[in-house]
């Protein structure tokens, strides 16, 4: 293990699309995560986290367990 990340555990990365930076979140397999602090971007209102860059599938923090590394996209 190097840098504090296990190669076996997934990492959730947050793409803020030009908003404030949010650090990647290492998690245990099959666990739920809490929503990070909302990113800030001048002139924009945060509208949620999505599983895809096209913003077609909202990520449900309450009912979705993380099973593999993934990126969530800020809208």
N, C-alpha and C. Protein backbone atom coordinates (compact mmCIF):
# COMPACT_ATOMS: atom_id res chain seq x y z
N UNK A 1 0.85 -1.17 0.00
CA UNK A 1 0.00 0.00 0.00
C UNK A 1 0.90 1.23 0.00
N UNK A 2 0.64 2.15 -0.92
CA UNK A 2 1.45 3.34 -1.02
C UNK A 2 0.54 4.56 -1.01
N UNK A 3 0.88 5.59 -0.27
CA UNK A 3 0.09 6.81 -0.26
C UNK A 3 -1.22 6.69 0.49
N UNK A 4 -1.43 5.64 1.26
CA UNK A 4 -2.63 5.51 2.06
C UNK A 4 -3.80 4.84 1.34
N UNK A 5 -3.66 4.49 0.09
CA UNK A 5 -4.74 3.85 -0.66
C UNK A 5 -4.42 2.37 -0.85
N UNK A 6 -5.40 1.53 -0.57
CA UNK A 6 -5.25 0.10 -0.82
C UNK A 6 -5.63 -0.17 -2.27
N UNK A 7 -4.93 -1.05 -2.91
CA UNK A 7 -5.26 -1.39 -4.30
C UNK A 7 -6.57 -2.19 -4.38
N UNK A 8 -7.02 -2.76 -3.26
CA UNK A 8 -8.24 -3.56 -3.25
C UNK A 8 -9.49 -2.70 -3.08
N UNK A 9 -9.37 -1.57 -2.42
CA UNK A 9 -10.53 -0.75 -2.11
C UNK A 9 -10.79 0.29 -3.19
N UNK A 10 -12.07 0.54 -3.47
CA UNK A 10 -12.41 1.54 -4.48
C UNK A 10 -12.15 2.96 -3.98
N UNK A 11 -12.02 3.87 -4.93
CA UNK A 11 -11.85 5.29 -4.65
C UNK A 11 -12.92 6.04 -5.43
N UNK A 12 -13.61 6.95 -4.76
CA UNK A 12 -14.59 7.80 -5.43
C UNK A 12 -13.93 9.13 -5.69
N UNK A 13 -13.92 9.53 -6.96
CA UNK A 13 -13.33 10.79 -7.39
C UNK A 13 -14.47 11.74 -7.72
N UNK A 14 -14.29 13.02 -7.41
CA UNK A 14 -15.34 14.02 -7.63
C UNK A 14 -14.87 15.02 -8.68
N UNK A 15 -15.56 15.03 -9.82
CA UNK A 15 -15.29 15.97 -10.91
C UNK A 15 -16.20 17.18 -10.67
N UNK A 16 -15.60 18.32 -10.33
CA UNK A 16 -16.40 19.49 -9.98
C UNK A 16 -16.64 20.44 -11.16
N UNK A 17 -16.15 20.08 -12.32
CA UNK A 17 -16.39 20.88 -13.53
C UNK A 17 -16.03 22.35 -13.35
N UNK A 18 -14.85 22.59 -12.80
CA UNK A 18 -14.36 23.96 -12.61
C UNK A 18 -14.70 24.55 -11.26
N UNK A 19 -15.39 23.78 -10.42
CA UNK A 19 -15.71 24.25 -9.07
C UNK A 19 -14.57 23.97 -8.12
N UNK A 20 -14.79 24.27 -6.86
CA UNK A 20 -13.76 24.04 -5.84
C UNK A 20 -13.39 22.56 -5.78
N UNK A 21 -12.14 22.30 -5.46
CA UNK A 21 -11.61 20.94 -5.43
C UNK A 21 -12.19 20.12 -4.29
N UNK A 22 -12.48 18.85 -4.55
CA UNK A 22 -12.88 17.90 -3.52
C UNK A 22 -11.95 16.70 -3.64
N UNK A 23 -11.31 16.35 -2.55
CA UNK A 23 -10.35 15.25 -2.56
C UNK A 23 -11.03 13.91 -2.84
N UNK A 24 -10.33 12.99 -3.51
CA UNK A 24 -10.85 11.64 -3.70
C UNK A 24 -11.13 10.98 -2.35
N UNK A 25 -12.10 10.07 -2.35
CA UNK A 25 -12.54 9.42 -1.11
C UNK A 25 -12.33 7.90 -1.23
N UNK A 26 -11.31 7.36 -0.53
CA UNK A 26 -11.18 5.89 -0.51
C UNK A 26 -12.28 5.31 0.37
N UNK A 27 -12.87 4.20 -0.07
CA UNK A 27 -13.98 3.58 0.67
C UNK A 27 -13.80 2.08 0.73
N UNK A 28 -14.52 1.45 1.63
CA UNK A 28 -14.57 0.00 1.67
C UNK A 28 -15.58 -0.49 0.64
N UNK A 29 -15.35 -1.64 0.06
CA UNK A 29 -16.25 -2.23 -0.94
C UNK A 29 -17.63 -2.42 -0.32
N UNK A 30 -18.66 -2.16 -1.12
CA UNK A 30 -20.06 -2.35 -0.72
C UNK A 30 -20.50 -1.48 0.46
N UNK A 31 -19.97 -0.28 0.53
CA UNK A 31 -20.41 0.65 1.56
C UNK A 31 -21.05 1.88 0.93
N UNK A 32 -21.87 2.55 1.71
CA UNK A 32 -22.48 3.81 1.29
C UNK A 32 -21.56 4.94 1.73
N UNK A 33 -21.54 5.99 0.95
CA UNK A 33 -20.73 7.15 1.30
C UNK A 33 -21.66 8.33 1.57
N UNK A 34 -21.14 9.29 2.31
CA UNK A 34 -21.86 10.53 2.53
C UNK A 34 -21.49 11.51 1.43
N UNK A 35 -22.43 12.37 1.08
CA UNK A 35 -22.16 13.39 0.08
C UNK A 35 -21.09 14.34 0.62
N UNK A 36 -20.12 14.69 -0.21
CA UNK A 36 -19.10 15.65 0.25
C UNK A 36 -19.71 17.05 0.29
N UNK A 37 -18.96 17.98 0.81
CA UNK A 37 -19.39 19.38 0.80
C UNK A 37 -19.62 19.80 -0.64
N UNK A 38 -20.66 20.59 -0.88
CA UNK A 38 -20.97 21.04 -2.24
C UNK A 38 -19.84 21.89 -2.78
N UNK A 39 -19.45 21.66 -4.04
CA UNK A 39 -18.41 22.50 -4.63
C UNK A 39 -18.97 23.90 -4.90
N UNK A 40 -18.09 24.88 -4.88
CA UNK A 40 -18.47 26.27 -5.14
C UNK A 40 -17.89 26.70 -6.48
N UNK A 41 -18.70 27.43 -7.25
CA UNK A 41 -18.24 27.97 -8.53
C UNK A 41 -19.00 29.27 -8.76
N UNK A 42 -18.26 30.35 -8.92
CA UNK A 42 -18.89 31.66 -9.10
C UNK A 42 -19.88 31.65 -10.25
N UNK A 43 -21.08 32.16 -9.99
CA UNK A 43 -22.09 32.27 -11.03
C UNK A 43 -22.92 31.01 -11.24
N UNK A 44 -22.69 29.97 -10.44
CA UNK A 44 -23.40 28.70 -10.61
C UNK A 44 -24.04 28.25 -9.31
N UNK A 45 -25.12 27.50 -9.42
CA UNK A 45 -25.78 26.88 -8.29
C UNK A 45 -25.62 25.38 -8.43
N UNK A 46 -25.12 24.74 -7.39
CA UNK A 46 -24.90 23.30 -7.40
C UNK A 46 -26.24 22.57 -7.49
N UNK A 47 -26.34 21.59 -8.41
CA UNK A 47 -27.59 20.87 -8.64
C UNK A 47 -27.47 19.37 -8.43
N UNK A 48 -26.44 18.91 -7.72
CA UNK A 48 -26.34 17.50 -7.39
C UNK A 48 -25.15 16.79 -8.01
N UNK A 49 -24.98 15.54 -7.55
CA UNK A 49 -23.93 14.65 -8.05
C UNK A 49 -24.54 13.62 -8.98
N UNK A 50 -23.85 13.39 -10.10
CA UNK A 50 -24.33 12.47 -11.13
C UNK A 50 -23.28 11.40 -11.41
N UNK A 51 -23.76 10.24 -11.84
CA UNK A 51 -22.87 9.12 -12.16
C UNK A 51 -22.23 9.24 -13.53
N UNK A 52 -22.72 10.16 -14.34
CA UNK A 52 -22.20 10.31 -15.70
C UNK A 52 -22.01 11.78 -16.04
N UNK A 53 -21.07 12.05 -16.95
CA UNK A 53 -20.73 13.41 -17.33
C UNK A 53 -21.86 14.12 -18.08
N UNK A 54 -22.81 13.36 -18.61
CA UNK A 54 -23.95 13.95 -19.33
C UNK A 54 -25.10 14.32 -18.38
N UNK A 55 -24.93 14.03 -17.10
CA UNK A 55 -25.92 14.36 -16.06
C UNK A 55 -27.28 13.70 -16.32
N UNK A 56 -27.27 12.41 -16.63
CA UNK A 56 -28.53 11.70 -16.87
C UNK A 56 -28.92 10.80 -15.71
N UNK A 57 -27.96 10.46 -14.81
CA UNK A 57 -28.27 9.55 -13.71
C UNK A 57 -27.76 10.12 -12.39
N UNK A 58 -28.70 10.59 -11.57
CA UNK A 58 -28.36 11.15 -10.26
C UNK A 58 -27.79 10.04 -9.38
N UNK A 59 -26.73 10.34 -8.64
CA UNK A 59 -26.18 9.38 -7.69
C UNK A 59 -26.96 9.50 -6.38
N UNK A 60 -27.51 8.39 -5.91
CA UNK A 60 -28.29 8.37 -4.68
C UNK A 60 -27.40 7.88 -3.54
N UNK A 61 -26.94 8.81 -2.73
CA UNK A 61 -26.03 8.48 -1.63
C UNK A 61 -26.68 7.57 -0.60
N UNK A 62 -28.00 7.66 -0.43
CA UNK A 62 -28.70 6.87 0.59
C UNK A 62 -28.87 5.40 0.21
N UNK A 63 -29.02 5.12 -1.08
CA UNK A 63 -29.34 3.73 -1.45
C UNK A 63 -28.30 3.05 -2.35
N UNK A 64 -27.24 3.76 -2.73
CA UNK A 64 -26.25 3.17 -3.63
C UNK A 64 -24.96 2.87 -2.90
N UNK A 65 -24.57 1.61 -2.87
CA UNK A 65 -23.30 1.22 -2.29
C UNK A 65 -22.22 1.27 -3.36
N UNK A 66 -21.05 1.68 -2.97
CA UNK A 66 -19.92 1.75 -3.90
C UNK A 66 -19.29 0.36 -4.00
N UNK A 67 -19.25 -0.18 -5.20
CA UNK A 67 -18.69 -1.52 -5.42
C UNK A 67 -17.37 -1.49 -6.17
N UNK A 68 -17.07 -0.35 -6.81
CA UNK A 68 -15.82 -0.21 -7.55
C UNK A 68 -15.47 1.27 -7.64
N UNK A 69 -14.25 1.56 -8.04
CA UNK A 69 -13.84 2.96 -8.18
C UNK A 69 -14.75 3.64 -9.20
N UNK A 70 -15.05 4.91 -8.91
CA UNK A 70 -15.95 5.64 -9.79
C UNK A 70 -15.70 7.13 -9.68
N UNK A 71 -16.22 7.87 -10.66
CA UNK A 71 -16.17 9.32 -10.64
C UNK A 71 -17.60 9.84 -10.57
N UNK A 72 -17.84 10.80 -9.69
CA UNK A 72 -19.13 11.48 -9.62
C UNK A 72 -18.94 12.89 -10.16
N UNK A 73 -19.94 13.37 -10.89
CA UNK A 73 -19.85 14.63 -11.60
C UNK A 73 -20.80 15.66 -11.00
N UNK A 74 -20.28 16.84 -10.71
CA UNK A 74 -21.09 17.93 -10.16
C UNK A 74 -21.84 18.63 -11.27
N UNK A 75 -23.12 18.87 -11.03
CA UNK A 75 -23.92 19.64 -11.98
C UNK A 75 -24.28 20.95 -11.32
